[in-house]
C-alpha atoms as a PDB file:
ATOM      1  CA  MET A   1      10.567  36.844   2.199  1.00  0.00           C
ATOM      2  CA  SER A   2      11.811  33.658   0.950  1.00  0.00           C
ATOM      3  CA  ASN A   3      12.134  30.211   3.328  1.00  0.00           C
ATOM      4  CA  ASN A   4      16.445  30.553   3.119  1.00  0.00           C
ATOM      5  CA  GLU A   5      15.529  34.223   4.660  1.00  0.00           C
ATOM      6  CA  LYS A   6      12.711  32.946   7.450  1.00  0.00           C
ATOM      7  CA  THR A   7      14.598  32.145  10.431  1.00  0.00           C
ATOM      8  CA  ALA A   8      14.175  28.529  11.909  1.00  0.00           C
ATOM      9  CA  ASP A   9      11.701  29.767  14.520  1.00  0.00           C
ATOM     10  CA  GLU A  10       9.538  31.263  11.813  1.00  0.00           C
ATOM     11  CA  LEU A  11       9.620  27.817   9.477  1.00  0.00           C
ATOM     12  CA  LYS A  12       8.570  25.936  12.787  1.00  0.00           C
ATOM     13  CA  GLN A  13       6.182  28.366  13.504  1.00  0.00           C
ATOM     14  CA  THR A  14       4.673  28.329   9.775  1.00  0.00           C
ATOM     15  CA  VAL A  15       4.542  24.280  10.188  1.00  0.00           C
ATOM     16  CA  LYS A  16       2.809  24.340  13.529  1.00  0.00           C
ATOM     17  CA  GLU A  17       0.084  26.572  12.392  1.00  0.00           C
ATOM     18  CA  LYS A  18      -0.241  24.454   8.956  1.00  0.00           C
ATOM     19  CA  TYR A  19      -0.403  21.240  10.655  1.00  0.00           C
ATOM     20  CA  SER A  20      -2.900  22.308  13.730  1.00  0.00           C
ATOM     21  CA  GLN A  21      -5.000  23.266  10.728  1.00  0.00           C
ATOM     22  CA  ILE A  22      -4.302  20.154   8.915  1.00  0.00           C
ATOM     23  CA  SER A  23      -5.069  17.463  11.469  1.00  0.00           C
ATOM     24  CA  GLU A  24      -9.158  18.447  11.056  1.00  0.00           C
ATOM     25  CA  GLN A  25      -8.777  17.671   7.651  1.00  0.00           C
ATOM     26  CA  SER A  26      -9.866  14.418   6.249  1.00  0.00           C
ATOM     27  CA  LEU A  27      -7.378  11.881   5.097  1.00  0.00           C
ATOM     28  CA  ASP A  28      -8.991  12.146   1.233  1.00  0.00           C
ATOM     29  CA  PHE A  29      -8.403  15.858   1.333  1.00  0.00           C
ATOM     30  CA  ASN A  30      -4.895  15.477   2.730  1.00  0.00           C
ATOM     31  CA  ALA A  31      -4.056  12.950   0.353  1.00  0.00           C
ATOM     32  CA  SER A  32      -4.746  14.356  -2.476  1.00  0.00           C
ATOM     33  CA  SER A  33      -2.283  17.345  -1.513  1.00  0.00           C
ATOM     34  CA  CYS A  34       0.883  17.898  -0.784  1.00  0.00           C
ATOM     35  CA  CYS A  35       0.753  16.596   2.328  1.00  0.00           C
ATOM     36  CA  GLY A  36      -2.365  18.226   3.512  1.00  0.00           C
ATOM     37  CA  ALA A  37      -1.399  21.590   2.850  1.00  0.00           C
ATOM     38  CA  GLY A  38      -2.834  24.347   0.109  1.00  0.00           C
ATOM     39  CA  GLU A  39      -5.524  22.776  -2.382  1.00  0.00           C
ATOM     40  CA  ASN A  40      -5.943  19.473  -3.102  1.00  0.00           C
ATOM     41  CA  SER A  41      -5.486  18.042  -6.425  1.00  0.00           C
ATOM     42  CA  ASP A  42      -8.023  16.535  -8.759  1.00  0.00           C
ATOM     43  CA  GLU A  43      -5.051  15.124 -11.145  1.00  0.00           C
ATOM     44  CA  VAL A  44      -3.800  12.553  -8.605  1.00  0.00           C
ATOM     45  CA  TYR A  45      -4.832  10.776  -5.494  1.00  0.00           C
ATOM     46  CA  ASN A  46      -2.238   9.720  -3.248  1.00  0.00           C
ATOM     47  CA  ILE A  47       0.166  12.189  -3.922  1.00  0.00           C
ATOM     48  CA  MET A  48       2.774  10.962  -1.701  1.00  0.00           C
ATOM     49  CA  THR A  49       1.008   8.223   0.805  1.00  0.00           C
ATOM     50  CA  ASP A  50       1.384   4.725   0.298  1.00  0.00           C
ATOM     51  CA  ASP A  51      -1.505   2.506   1.585  1.00  0.00           C
ATOM     52  CA  TYR A  52      -1.431   1.595   4.947  1.00  0.00           C
ATOM     53  CA  SER A  53      -4.750  -0.280   4.502  1.00  0.00           C
ATOM     54  CA  LYS A  54      -3.587  -3.583   4.266  1.00  0.00           C
ATOM     55  CA  VAL A  55      -0.626  -3.412   7.434  1.00  0.00           C
ATOM     56  CA  GLU A  56      -1.400  -4.477  10.439  1.00  0.00           C
ATOM     57  CA  GLY A  57      -1.739  -2.671  13.360  1.00  0.00           C
ATOM     58  CA  TYR A  58      -3.578   0.231  10.908  1.00  0.00           C
ATOM     59  CA  ASN A  59      -6.568   1.984  12.777  1.00  0.00           C
ATOM     60  CA  PRO A  60      -8.591   4.281   9.878  1.00  0.00           C
ATOM     61  CA  ASP A  61      -8.977   7.210  12.440  1.00  0.00           C
ATOM     62  CA  ALA A  62      -4.997   7.774  12.830  1.00  0.00           C
ATOM     63  CA  ASP A  63      -4.742   7.793   9.444  1.00  0.00           C
ATOM     64  CA  LEU A  64      -4.667  11.875   8.054  1.00  0.00           C
ATOM     65  CA  GLY A  65      -3.255  10.885   4.854  1.00  0.00           C
ATOM     66  CA  LEU A  66       0.231  13.021   5.434  1.00  0.00           C
ATOM     67  CA  GLY A  67       3.329  10.154   5.174  1.00  0.00           C
ATOM     68  CA  CYS A  68       5.246   9.853   1.965  1.00  0.00           C
ATOM     69  CA  GLY A  69       6.026   6.140   2.803  1.00  0.00           C
ATOM     70  CA  LEU A  70       5.597   2.775   5.185  1.00  0.00           C
ATOM     71  CA  PRO A  71       8.657   3.010   7.531  1.00  0.00           C
ATOM     72  CA  THR A  72       6.766   0.714  10.432  1.00  0.00           C
ATOM     73  CA  GLN A  73       7.053  -2.017   7.561  1.00  0.00           C
ATOM     74  CA  TYR A  74      10.605  -1.993   7.462  1.00  0.00           C
ATOM     75  CA  ALA A  75      11.340  -0.560  10.898  1.00  0.00           C
ATOM     76  CA  LYS A  76      12.480  -4.518  12.378  1.00  0.00           C
ATOM     77  CA  ILE A  77      10.348  -3.983  15.530  1.00  0.00           C
ATOM     78  CA  ASP A  78      10.091  -7.047  17.794  1.00  0.00           C
ATOM     79  CA  GLU A  79       7.993  -7.804  20.493  1.00  0.00           C
ATOM     80  CA  GLY A  80       9.208  -5.833  23.823  1.00  0.00           C
ATOM     81  CA  ASP A  81      10.767  -2.888  21.652  1.00  0.00           C
ATOM     82  CA  THR A  82      10.701   0.402  22.916  1.00  0.00           C
ATOM     83  CA  VAL A  83       9.812   2.388  19.635  1.00  0.00           C
ATOM     84  CA  ILE A  84       9.880   6.198  19.235  1.00  0.00           C
ATOM     85  CA  ASP A  85       7.686   7.951  16.096  1.00  0.00           C
ATOM     86  CA  LEU A  86       9.164  11.456  15.581  1.00  0.00           C
ATOM     87  CA  GLY A  87       6.326  13.470  14.067  1.00  0.00           C
ATOM     88  CA  SER A  88       3.565  11.045  15.357  1.00  0.00           C
ATOM     89  CA  GLY A  89       0.585  13.016  14.015  1.00  0.00           C
ATOM     90  CA  ALA A  90      -2.778  11.538  14.844  1.00  0.00           C
ATOM     91  CA  GLY A  91      -0.677   8.143  16.056  1.00  0.00           C
ATOM     92  CA  ASN A  92      -0.997   6.005  12.688  1.00  0.00           C
ATOM     93  CA  ASP A  93       2.628   4.530  12.941  1.00  0.00           C
ATOM     94  CA  CYS A  94       2.410   4.312  16.481  1.00  0.00           C
ATOM     95  CA  PHE A  95      -0.485   2.165  16.353  1.00  0.00           C
ATOM     96  CA  VAL A  96       1.332   0.220  14.012  1.00  0.00           C
ATOM     97  CA  ALA A  97       4.368  -0.093  15.661  1.00  0.00           C
ATOM     98  CA  ARG A  98       2.826  -1.339  18.931  1.00  0.00           C
ATOM     99  CA  HIS A  99       1.307  -4.116  16.846  1.00  0.00           C
ATOM    100  CA  GLU A 100       4.620  -5.358  16.684  1.00  0.00           C
ATOM    101  CA  ALA A 101       5.672  -4.444  20.043  1.00  0.00           C
ATOM    102  CA  GLY A 102       3.091  -6.105  21.616  1.00  0.00           C
ATOM    103  CA  GLU A 103       1.784  -5.870  24.985  1.00  0.00           C
ATOM    104  CA  LYS A 104       5.839  -5.854  26.434  1.00  0.00           C
ATOM    105  CA  GLY A 105       6.874  -2.878  24.365  1.00  0.00           C
ATOM    106  CA  LYS A 106       6.412   0.899  24.756  1.00  0.00           C
ATOM    107  CA  VAL A 107       5.887   3.247  21.968  1.00  0.00           C
ATOM    108  CA  ILE A 108       6.280   6.985  22.402  1.00  0.00           C
ATOM    109  CA  GLY A 109       4.946   9.323  19.809  1.00  0.00           C
ATOM    110  CA  ILE A 110       6.609  13.082  19.815  1.00  0.00           C
ATOM    111  CA  ASP A 111       4.632  16.042  17.659  1.00  0.00           C
ATOM    112  CA  PHE A 112       4.455  19.800  18.698  1.00  0.00           C
ATOM    113  CA  ALA A 113       1.237  20.307  17.392  1.00  0.00           C
ATOM    114  CA  GLU A 114      -1.141  20.008  20.031  1.00  0.00           C
ATOM    115  CA  PRO A 115      -4.105  19.279  18.129  1.00  0.00           C
ATOM    116  CA  MET A 116      -1.949  16.905  16.981  1.00  0.00           C
ATOM    117  CA  ILE A 117      -1.298  15.494  20.372  1.00  0.00           C
ATOM    118  CA  ALA A 118      -5.031  15.625  21.234  1.00  0.00           C
ATOM    119  CA  LYS A 119      -6.236  13.775  18.317  1.00  0.00           C
ATOM    120  CA  ALA A 120      -3.503  10.907  18.965  1.00  0.00           C
ATOM    121  CA  ARG A 121      -4.165  10.373  22.852  1.00  0.00           C
ATOM    122  CA  LYS A 122      -8.270  10.239  22.149  1.00  0.00           C
ATOM    123  CA  ASN A 123      -7.411   7.615  19.683  1.00  0.00           C
ATOM    124  CA  ALA A 124      -5.284   5.576  21.746  1.00  0.00           C
ATOM    125  CA  ASP A 125      -8.218   6.150  24.633  1.00  0.00           C
ATOM    126  CA  LYS A 126     -10.745   4.496  22.470  1.00  0.00           C
ATOM    127  CA  ILE A 127      -8.639   1.480  21.020  1.00  0.00           C
ATOM    128  CA  GLY A 128      -7.671   1.212  24.914  1.00  0.00           C
ATOM    129  CA  PHE A 129      -3.821   0.926  24.621  1.00  0.00           C
ATOM    130  CA  ASN A 130      -1.739   1.418  27.861  1.00  0.00           C
ATOM    131  CA  ASN A 131       1.310   1.318  26.711  1.00  0.00           C
ATOM    132  CA  VAL A 132       1.088   4.065  23.753  1.00  0.00           C
ATOM    133  CA  GLU A 133       1.814   8.025  24.987  1.00  0.00           C
ATOM    134  CA  PHE A 134       2.027  10.829  22.974  1.00  0.00           C
ATOM    135  CA  ARG A 135       4.575  13.800  24.252  1.00  0.00           C
ATOM    136  CA  TYR A 136       4.263  17.560  23.138  1.00  0.00           C
ATOM    137  CA  GLY A 137       7.376  18.237  21.964  1.00  0.00           C
ATOM    138  CA  ASP A 138      10.393  19.264  19.202  1.00  0.00           C
ATOM    139  CA  ILE A 139      12.481  16.326  17.698  1.00  0.00           C
ATOM    140  CA  GLU A 140      15.587  18.471  18.102  1.00  0.00           C
ATOM    141  CA  ASP A 141      15.290  18.285  21.303  1.00  0.00           C
ATOM    142  CA  MET A 142      13.227  15.180  22.231  1.00  0.00           C
ATOM    143  CA  PRO A 143      11.546  14.624  25.985  1.00  0.00           C
ATOM    144  CA  VAL A 144      13.021  11.606  26.348  1.00  0.00           C
ATOM    145  CA  SER A 145      16.062   9.865  28.164  1.00  0.00           C
ATOM    146  CA  ASP A 146      19.305   8.797  26.516  1.00  0.00           C
ATOM    147  CA  ASN A 147      19.777   5.684  24.697  1.00  0.00           C
ATOM    148  CA  ILE A 148      16.224   4.820  25.437  1.00  0.00           C
ATOM    149  CA  ALA A 149      14.591   3.200  21.996  1.00  0.00           C
ATOM    150  CA  ASP A 150      15.401   0.158  20.050  1.00  0.00           C
ATOM    151  CA  VAL A 151      14.007   1.681  16.923  1.00  0.00           C
ATOM    152  CA  ILE A 152      12.925   5.555  15.973  1.00  0.00           C
ATOM    153  CA  VAL A 153      10.580   5.785  12.820  1.00  0.00           C
ATOM    154  CA  SER A 154       9.253   8.822  10.856  1.00  0.00           C
ATOM    155  CA  ASN A 155       7.361   9.283   8.572  1.00  0.00           C
ATOM    156  CA  CYS A 156       7.413  12.541   6.045  1.00  0.00           C
ATOM    157  CA  VAL A 157       8.691  15.297   8.664  1.00  0.00           C
ATOM    158  CA  LEU A 158      12.168  15.667   9.258  1.00  0.00           C
ATOM    159  CA  ASN A 159      11.985  17.795   5.537  1.00  0.00           C
ATOM    160  CA  LEU A 160       9.975  20.154   7.630  1.00  0.00           C
ATOM    161  CA  VAL A 161      13.017  20.536  10.245  1.00  0.00           C
ATOM    162  CA  PRO A 162      15.259  23.626   9.584  1.00  0.00           C
ATOM    163  CA  ASP A 163      17.950  21.930  11.101  1.00  0.00           C
ATOM    164  CA  LYS A 164      18.309  18.021  10.047  1.00  0.00           C
ATOM    165  CA  PRO A 165      21.528  17.041  11.376  1.00  0.00           C
ATOM    166  CA  LYS A 166      20.190  18.337  14.649  1.00  0.00           C
ATOM    167  CA  VAL A 167      17.051  15.766  14.886  1.00  0.00           C
ATOM    168  CA  PHE A 168      19.985  13.269  13.555  1.00  0.00           C
ATOM    169  CA  SER A 169      21.833  13.916  16.388  1.00  0.00           C
ATOM    170  CA  GLU A 170      19.000  13.516  18.694  1.00  0.00           C
ATOM    171  CA  ILE A 171      18.527  10.182  17.220  1.00  0.00           C
ATOM    172  CA  SER A 172      21.302   9.027  17.973  1.00  0.00           C
ATOM    173  CA  ARG A 173      21.390  10.065  21.629  1.00  0.00           C
ATOM    174  CA  THR A 174      17.994   8.268  22.713  1.00  0.00           C
ATOM    175  CA  LEU A 175      18.775   5.365  20.586  1.00  0.00           C
ATOM    176  CA  LYS A 176      20.298   2.679  22.457  1.00  0.00           C
ATOM    177  CA  PRO A 177      23.679   1.086  21.442  1.00  0.00           C
ATOM    178  CA  GLY A 178      22.866  -1.124  18.542  1.00  0.00           C
ATOM    179  CA  GLY A 179      19.587   0.505  17.911  1.00  0.00           C
ATOM    180  CA  HIS A 180      18.384   1.465  14.616  1.00  0.00           C
ATOM    181  CA  PHE A 181      15.629   3.825  12.738  1.00  0.00           C
ATOM    182  CA  SER A 182      14.065   3.432   9.572  1.00  0.00           C
ATOM    183  CA  ILE A 183      12.579   6.675   8.293  1.00  0.00           C
ATOM    184  CA  SER A 184      10.439   8.127   5.365  1.00  0.00           C
ATOM    185  CA  ASP A 185      11.271  11.395   4.085  1.00  0.00           C
ATOM    186  CA  ILE A 186      10.960  13.464   1.280  1.00  0.00           C
ATOM    187  CA  VAL A 187      14.465  14.471  -0.745  1.00  0.00           C
ATOM    188  CA  LEU A 188      15.395  16.367  -4.056  1.00  0.00           C
ATOM    189  CA  VAL A 189      17.990  15.563  -6.486  1.00  0.00           C
ATOM    190  CA  GLY A 190      18.441  18.751  -8.901  1.00  0.00           C
ATOM    191  CA  ASP A 191      17.075  22.088  -7.705  1.00  0.00           C
ATOM    192  CA  LEU A 192      13.440  22.993  -7.248  1.00  0.00           C
ATOM    193  CA  PRO A 193      11.766  26.334  -9.543  1.00  0.00           C
ATOM    194  CA  GLU A 194      12.366  29.480  -7.010  1.00  0.00           C
ATOM    195  CA  ALA A 195       8.426  29.884  -6.769  1.00  0.00           C
ATOM    196  CA  LEU A 196       8.103  26.411  -4.860  1.00  0.00           C
ATOM    197  CA  ARG A 197      11.232  26.752  -2.812  1.00  0.00           C
ATOM    198  CA  GLU A 198       9.982  30.425  -1.327  1.00  0.00           C
ATOM    199  CA  ASP A 199       6.599  29.364  -0.819  1.00  0.00           C
ATOM    200  CA  ALA A 200       5.338  28.698   2.716  1.00  0.00           C
ATOM    201  CA  GLU A 201       2.711  26.267   1.392  1.00  0.00           C
ATOM    202  CA  MET A 202       5.199  24.435  -0.367  1.00  0.00           C
ATOM    203  CA  TYR A 203       7.414  24.359   2.546  1.00  0.00           C
ATOM    204  CA  ALA A 204       4.409  22.824   4.946  1.00  0.00           C
ATOM    205  CA  GLY A 205       3.599  20.299   2.174  1.00  0.00           C
ATOM    206  CA  CYS A 206       7.240  18.299   2.350  1.00  0.00           C
ATOM    207  CA  VAL A 207       8.538  19.705  -1.029  1.00  0.00           C
ATOM    208  CA  ALA A 208       9.960  23.175  -0.262  1.00  0.00           C
ATOM    209  CA  GLY A 209      11.615  21.745   2.873  1.00  0.00           C
ATOM    210  CA  ALA A 210      13.496  18.647   1.156  1.00  0.00           C
ATOM    211  CA  ILE A 211      17.244  18.598   0.735  1.00  0.00           C
ATOM    212  CA  GLN A 212      19.248  17.375  -1.143  1.00  0.00           C
ATOM    213  CA  LYS A 213      19.615  12.943  -1.435  1.00  0.00           C
ATOM    214  CA  GLN A 214      23.287  13.242  -1.501  1.00  0.00           C
ATOM    215  CA  LYS A 215      23.539  15.312   1.622  1.00  0.00           C
ATOM    216  CA  TYR A 216      21.212  13.828   3.599  1.00  0.00           C
ATOM    217  CA  MET A 217      22.417  10.608   3.479  1.00  0.00           C
ATOM    218  CA  GLY A 218      25.561  12.216   4.357  1.00  0.00           C
ATOM    219  CA  HIS A 219      23.905  13.866   7.453  1.00  0.00           C
ATOM    220  CA  ILE A 220      23.492   9.885   8.403  1.00  0.00           C
ATOM    221  CA  LYS A 221      26.831   9.218   7.551  1.00  0.00           C
ATOM    222  CA  GLU A 222      28.225  11.639   9.500  1.00  0.00           C
ATOM    223  CA  LEU A 223      26.737  11.307  12.509  1.00  0.00           C
ATOM    224  CA  GLY A 224      27.990   7.615  13.098  1.00  0.00           C
ATOM    225  CA  PHE A 225      25.465   5.597  11.948  1.00  0.00           C
ATOM    226  CA  GLU A 226      26.089   2.193  10.406  1.00  0.00           C
ATOM    227  CA  ASN A 227      24.289   0.172   7.293  1.00  0.00           C
ATOM    228  CA  ILE A 228      23.184   3.194   6.466  1.00  0.00           C
ATOM    229  CA  THR A 229      20.833   1.373   3.272  1.00  0.00           C
ATOM    230  CA  ILE A 230      17.902   2.921   1.727  1.00  0.00           C
ATOM    231  CA  GLN A 231      14.661  -0.023   1.858  1.00  0.00           C
ATOM    232  CA  LYS A 232      12.405   1.973  -0.542  1.00  0.00           C
ATOM    233  CA  GLU A 233      12.341   4.779  -3.055  1.00  0.00           C
ATOM    234  CA  LYS A 234      10.103   5.897  -4.739  1.00  0.00           C
ATOM    235  CA  THR A 235       9.647   9.242  -7.340  1.00  0.00           C
ATOM    236  CA  ILE A 236       7.065  11.955  -6.461  1.00  0.00           C
ATOM    237  CA  THR A 237       5.055  13.689  -8.873  1.00  0.00           C
ATOM    238  CA  ILE A 238       3.073  16.953  -8.196  1.00  0.00           C
ATOM    239  CA  PRO A 239      -0.144  17.105 -10.236  1.00  0.00           C
ATOM    240  CA  ASP A 240      -0.158  20.125 -13.090  1.00  0.00           C
ATOM    241  CA  ASP A 241      -3.203  21.518 -11.397  1.00  0.00           C
ATOM    242  CA  ILE A 242      -0.770  22.323  -8.331  1.00  0.00           C
ATOM    243  CA  LEU A 243       2.427  23.509 -10.088  1.00  0.00           C
ATOM    244  CA  ALA A 244      -0.257  26.354 -12.096  1.00  0.00           C
ATOM    245  CA  LYS A 245      -0.392  27.647  -8.771  1.00  0.00           C
ATOM    246  CA  TYR A 246       3.534  28.511  -8.748  1.00  0.00           C
ATOM    247  CA  LEU A 247       4.597  28.404 -12.622  1.00  0.00           C
ATOM    248  CA  SER A 248       3.772  29.029 -15.703  1.00  0.00           C
ATOM    249  CA  GLU A 249       3.093  26.611 -18.383  1.00  0.00           C
ATOM    250  CA  ASP A 250       7.246  27.356 -19.983  1.00  0.00           C
ATOM    251  CA  GLU A 251       8.118  27.013 -15.979  1.00  0.00           C
ATOM    252  CA  MET A 252       5.944  23.415 -15.535  1.00  0.00           C
ATOM    253  CA  GLU A 253       7.705  22.081 -18.673  1.00  0.00           C
ATOM    254  CA  GLU A 254      11.133  22.825 -17.876  1.00  0.00           C
ATOM    255  CA  PHE A 255      10.475  21.704 -14.692  1.00  0.00           C
ATOM    256  CA  LYS A 256       8.928  18.662 -15.787  1.00  0.00           C
ATOM    257  CA  ASN A 257      11.206  17.705 -18.265  1.00  0.00           C
ATOM    258  CA  GLY A 258      14.445  18.628 -16.664  1.00  0.00           C
ATOM    259  CA  ASP A 259      17.044  16.996 -14.032  1.00  0.00           C
ATOM    260  CA  THR A 260      14.725  17.521 -11.135  1.00  0.00           C
ATOM    261  CA  GLY A 261      13.797  15.111  -8.980  1.00  0.00           C
ATOM    262  CA  ILE A 262      11.246  14.452  -5.979  1.00  0.00           C
ATOM    263  CA  TYR A 263      11.901  11.197  -4.255  1.00  0.00           C
ATOM    264  CA  SER A 264      10.627   9.372  -1.321  1.00  0.00           C
ATOM    265  CA  ILE A 265      12.917   7.407   0.640  1.00  0.00           C
ATOM    266  CA  THR A 266      12.966   5.088   3.477  1.00  0.00           C
ATOM    267  CA  VAL A 267      16.365   5.144   4.946  1.00  0.00           C
ATOM    268  CA  PHE A 268      17.553   2.482   7.366  1.00  0.00           C
ATOM    269  CA  ALA A 269      20.536   2.957   9.656  1.00  0.00           C
ATOM    270  CA  GLN A 270      21.883   1.891  13.043  1.00  0.00           C
ATOM    271  CA  LYS A 271      23.844   3.507  15.556  1.00  0.00           C
ATOM    272  CA  PRO A 272      27.077   1.422  16.646  1.00  0.00           C
ATOM    273  CA  ALA A 273      26.596  -0.593  19.960  1.00  0.00           C
ATOM    274  CA  ASP A 274      30.144   0.297  21.125  1.00  0.00           C
ATOM    275  CA  ASP A 275      28.915   4.117  21.362  1.00  0.00           C
ATOM    276  CA  SER A 276      31.806   5.478  22.210  1.00  0.00           C
ATOM    277  CA  GLY A 277      31.867   8.150  19.834  1.00  0.00           C
ATOM    278  CA  GLU A 278      29.581  10.792  21.132  1.00  0.00           C
ATOM    279  CA  GLU A 279      31.539  13.281  21.739  1.00  0.00           C
ATOM    280  CA  ASP A 280      33.087  13.450  18.224  1.00  0.00           C
ATOM    281  CA  ARG A 281      29.384  13.414  16.855  1.00  0.00           C
ATOM    282  CA  ASN A 282      28.355  16.365  19.064  1.00  0.00           C
ATOM    283  CA  GLU A 283      31.871  18.054  17.510  1.00  0.00           C
ATOM    284  CA  LYS A 284      31.038  16.543  13.839  1.00  0.00           C
ATOM    285  CA  ILE A 285      27.486  18.375  14.102  1.00  0.00           C
ATOM    286  CA  GLU A 286      28.552  21.567  14.942  1.00  0.00           C
ATOM    287  CA  MET A 287      30.654  21.601  11.572  1.00  0.00           C
ATOM    288  CA  LEU A 288      28.052  20.368   9.156  1.00  0.00           C
ATOM    289  CA  SER A 289      26.724  23.512   7.109  1.00  0.00           C
ATOM    290  CA  ASP A 290      24.927  23.704   4.205  1.00  0.00           C
ATOM    291  CA  GLY A 291      27.611  22.542   1.722  1.00  0.00           C
ATOM    292  CA  PRO A 292      27.570  18.666   0.482  1.00  0.00           C
ATOM    293  CA  VAL A 293      28.807  16.424   3.353  1.00  0.00           C
ATOM    294  CA  CYS A 294      28.651  13.264   1.046  1.00  0.00           C
ATOM    295  CA  GLU A 295      30.725  13.008  -1.565  1.00  0.00           C
ATOM    296  CA  PRO A 296      30.231  10.922  -5.193  1.00  0.00           C
ATOM    297  CA  GLY A 297      31.750   7.545  -5.060  1.00  0.00           C
ATOM    298  CA  SER A 298      31.988   7.963  -0.970  1.00  0.00           C
ATOM    299  CA  GLY A 299      29.785   4.533  -0.599  1.00  0.00           C
ATOM    300  CA  CYS A 300      26.874   6.650   2.000  1.00  0.00           C
ATOM    301  CA  CYS A 301      24.611   7.985  -1.069  1.00  0.00           C
END
């Protein structure tokens, strides 16, 4: 059964099972594979991840090598802010965010893999933070109140979620008016080969679940966010020894020399300070479909 034919619940279960396993894998293994899924590569280290080691607040025990950017570096977190991290894993971005928000701030990590939550709580206990908490939950239905966060961050997680517009709707609900997000994620330009799209490992590996960059940016605009900016973009290259599991030599050459690109982007956007359009956004999320929502020349991409 292909990923397109699987239900949203089945895809979520695939990701939950895989990331429960990934929570016990090493940083080196995860960083040399596609988000910790499948076999690692002998060719390239840090296929997707950026180096956190020089970021203030970094805790190596919480770094599982599962990100595709440094969203907290671009998140404009101020002292005293309430920050939510979507798909918080072992707590890496939460601890960086806490460094920025300080003792007067609050950081909430949300993850739906229970082993990840357990690992993150253990890391927080070791550090002694009392203003960082980790909640078990689905980021399509966040276990937090409306208008609670000053800043929301996420690192290579939304591509794993079947209903991306619903997550952006939840981001809008939970941000305070005038609050903002900085999210690192994987997007596509062009179509992946069918063998990559249909493989469950590649879905859990942050590749097969990615959508078109134009469509991704369109979802953000359609839900009423403002000041939409791509803060950073980099090309993701899947090593030959991983591609060879899925593609023939001819297919590999066609893919590598074709028009398809896999990118990590870090996107910033702000919830309007006047949040009078909540009902309109709720209507729009119901209307969003698999078709393009961001037309060329519209200024959102």
